[in-house]
Amino acid sequence: MKDLVKYIACALVDYPDQVSVEEIEGNQTSVLELKVAKEDLGKIIGKQGRTAKALRTILSASSAKLKKRTVLEIIE
């Protein structure tokens, strides 16, 4: 999951070297914290949050296969 989010985020931003993803794992739920450069924050969130919603949809579809729940948090 972590690699998937990092790959997609790097493709979207201008500064892919500043993209970092931290994973906090629990029994049933994992939390992914995505950090990008301040200038790229708008590109990750998108208009009215559409890009962030699409990222979360892809993440939930792929984590359902593993029978886990994954939450994506975008950190400023």
C-alpha atoms as a PDB file:
ATOM      1  CA  MET A   1       0.000   0.000   0.000  1.00  0.00           C
ATOM      2  CA  LYS A   2       2.764   2.384   0.947  1.00  0.00           C
ATOM      3  CA  ASP A   3       4.544   1.914  -2.374  1.00  0.00           C
ATOM      4  CA  LEU A   4       1.319   2.353  -4.335  1.00  0.00           C
ATOM      5  CA  VAL A   5       0.544   5.716  -2.707  1.00  0.00           C
ATOM      6  CA  LYS A   6       4.127   6.909  -3.130  1.00  0.00           C
ATOM      7  CA  TYR A   7       4.175   5.927  -6.817  1.00  0.00           C
ATOM      8  CA  ILE A   8       0.926   7.767  -7.586  1.00  0.00           C
ATOM      9  CA  ALA A   9       1.917  10.834  -5.560  1.00  0.00           C
ATOM     10  CA  CYS A  10       5.327  11.082  -7.246  1.00  0.00           C
ATOM     11  CA  ALA A  11       3.636  11.052 -10.638  1.00  0.00           C
ATOM     12  CA  LEU A  12       1.379  13.968  -9.663  1.00  0.00           C
ATOM     13  CA  VAL A  13       3.789  16.426  -8.022  1.00  0.00           C
ATOM     14  CA  ASP A  14       6.552  18.741  -9.253  1.00  0.00           C
ATOM     15  CA  TYR A  15       8.992  17.740  -6.486  1.00  0.00           C
ATOM     16  CA  PRO A  16       8.866  13.929  -6.275  1.00  0.00           C
ATOM     17  CA  ASP A  17      11.993  13.812  -4.110  1.00  0.00           C
ATOM     18  CA  GLN A  18      10.041  15.481  -1.261  1.00  0.00           C
ATOM     19  CA  VAL A  19       7.267  12.868  -1.209  1.00  0.00           C
ATOM     20  CA  SER A  20       7.273  10.642   1.866  1.00  0.00           C
ATOM     21  CA  VAL A  21       4.779   8.075   3.081  1.00  0.00           C
ATOM     22  CA  GLU A  22       4.738   6.770   6.645  1.00  0.00           C
ATOM     23  CA  GLU A  23       2.683   3.732   7.623  1.00  0.00           C
ATOM     24  CA  ILE A  24       1.193   3.166  11.065  1.00  0.00           C
ATOM     25  CA  GLU A  25      -0.139  -0.369  11.318  1.00  0.00           C
ATOM     26  CA  GLY A  26      -2.795  -1.769  13.603  1.00  0.00           C
ATOM     27  CA  ASN A  27      -4.624  -5.097  13.745  1.00  0.00           C
ATOM     28  CA  GLN A  28      -7.369  -4.255  11.248  1.00  0.00           C
ATOM     29  CA  THR A  29      -6.528  -0.701  10.177  1.00  0.00           C
ATOM     30  CA  SER A  30      -3.448   0.935   8.718  1.00  0.00           C
ATOM     31  CA  VAL A  31      -2.931   4.683   8.510  1.00  0.00           C
ATOM     32  CA  LEU A  32      -0.808   6.113   5.700  1.00  0.00           C
ATOM     33  CA  GLU A  33       0.516   9.633   6.218  1.00  0.00           C
ATOM     34  CA  LEU A  34       1.432  11.344   2.950  1.00  0.00           C
ATOM     35  CA  LYS A  35       3.757  14.351   3.099  1.00  0.00           C
ATOM     36  CA  VAL A  36       4.558  16.473   0.043  1.00  0.00           C
ATOM     37  CA  ALA A  37       6.165  19.852  -0.598  1.00  0.00           C
ATOM     38  CA  LYS A  38       3.979  22.824   0.295  1.00  0.00           C
ATOM     39  CA  GLU A  39       3.802  23.874  -3.366  1.00  0.00           C
ATOM     40  CA  ASP A  40       2.453  20.438  -4.353  1.00  0.00           C
ATOM     41  CA  LEU A  41      -0.267  20.202  -1.732  1.00  0.00           C
ATOM     42  CA  GLY A  42      -2.916  21.555  -4.098  1.00  0.00           C
ATOM     43  CA  LYS A  43      -2.012  19.001  -6.750  1.00  0.00           C
ATOM     44  CA  ILE A  44      -2.459  16.116  -4.324  1.00  0.00           C
ATOM     45  CA  ILE A  45      -5.780  17.411  -2.991  1.00  0.00           C
ATOM     46  CA  GLY A  46      -7.155  18.533  -6.369  1.00  0.00           C
ATOM     47  CA  LYS A  47     -10.223  20.622  -7.154  1.00  0.00           C
ATOM     48  CA  GLN A  48     -12.780  20.138  -4.388  1.00  0.00           C
ATOM     49  CA  GLY A  49     -10.721  17.192  -3.112  1.00  0.00           C
ATOM     50  CA  ARG A  50     -11.291  15.033  -6.183  1.00  0.00           C
ATOM     51  CA  THR A  51      -7.704  13.801  -6.511  1.00  0.00           C
ATOM     52  CA  ALA A  52      -7.492  12.954  -2.806  1.00  0.00           C
ATOM     53  CA  LYS A  53     -10.820  11.140  -3.025  1.00  0.00           C
ATOM     54  CA  ALA A  54      -9.587   9.151  -6.041  1.00  0.00           C
ATOM     55  CA  LEU A  55      -6.413   8.196  -4.156  1.00  0.00           C
ATOM     56  CA  ARG A  56      -8.489   7.021  -1.200  1.00  0.00           C
ATOM     57  CA  THR A  57     -10.779   5.017  -3.501  1.00  0.00           C
ATOM     58  CA  ILE A  58      -7.838   3.207  -5.116  1.00  0.00           C
ATOM     59  CA  LEU A  59      -6.363   2.571  -1.687  1.00  0.00           C
ATOM     60  CA  SER A  60      -9.585   1.153  -0.249  1.00  0.00           C
ATOM     61  CA  ALA A  61     -10.079  -1.113  -3.288  1.00  0.00           C
ATOM     62  CA  SER A  62      -6.580  -2.544  -3.025  1.00  0.00           C
ATOM     63  CA  SER A  63      -6.743  -2.927   0.759  1.00  0.00           C
ATOM     64  CA  ALA A  64     -10.090  -4.748   0.536  1.00  0.00           C
ATOM     65  CA  LYS A  65      -8.233  -7.521  -1.265  1.00  0.00           C
ATOM     66  CA  LEU A  66      -6.042  -7.920   1.826  1.00  0.00           C
ATOM     67  CA  LYS A  67      -9.097  -7.767   4.122  1.00  0.00           C
ATOM     68  CA  LYS A  68      -7.732  -4.677   5.858  1.00  0.00           C
ATOM     69  CA  ARG A  69      -8.862  -1.082   6.127  1.00  0.00           C
ATOM     70  CA  THR A  70      -6.429   1.632   5.098  1.00  0.00           C
ATOM     71  CA  VAL A  71      -6.835   5.338   5.789  1.00  0.00           C
ATOM     72  CA  LEU A  72      -4.938   8.022   3.893  1.00  0.00           C
ATOM     73  CA  GLU A  73      -4.050  11.247   5.692  1.00  0.00           C
ATOM     74  CA  ILE A  74      -2.453  14.116   3.810  1.00  0.00           C
ATOM     75  CA  ILE A  75      -0.090  16.003   6.110  1.00  0.00           C
ATOM     76  CA  GLU A  76       0.825  19.633   5.448  1.00  0.00           C
END
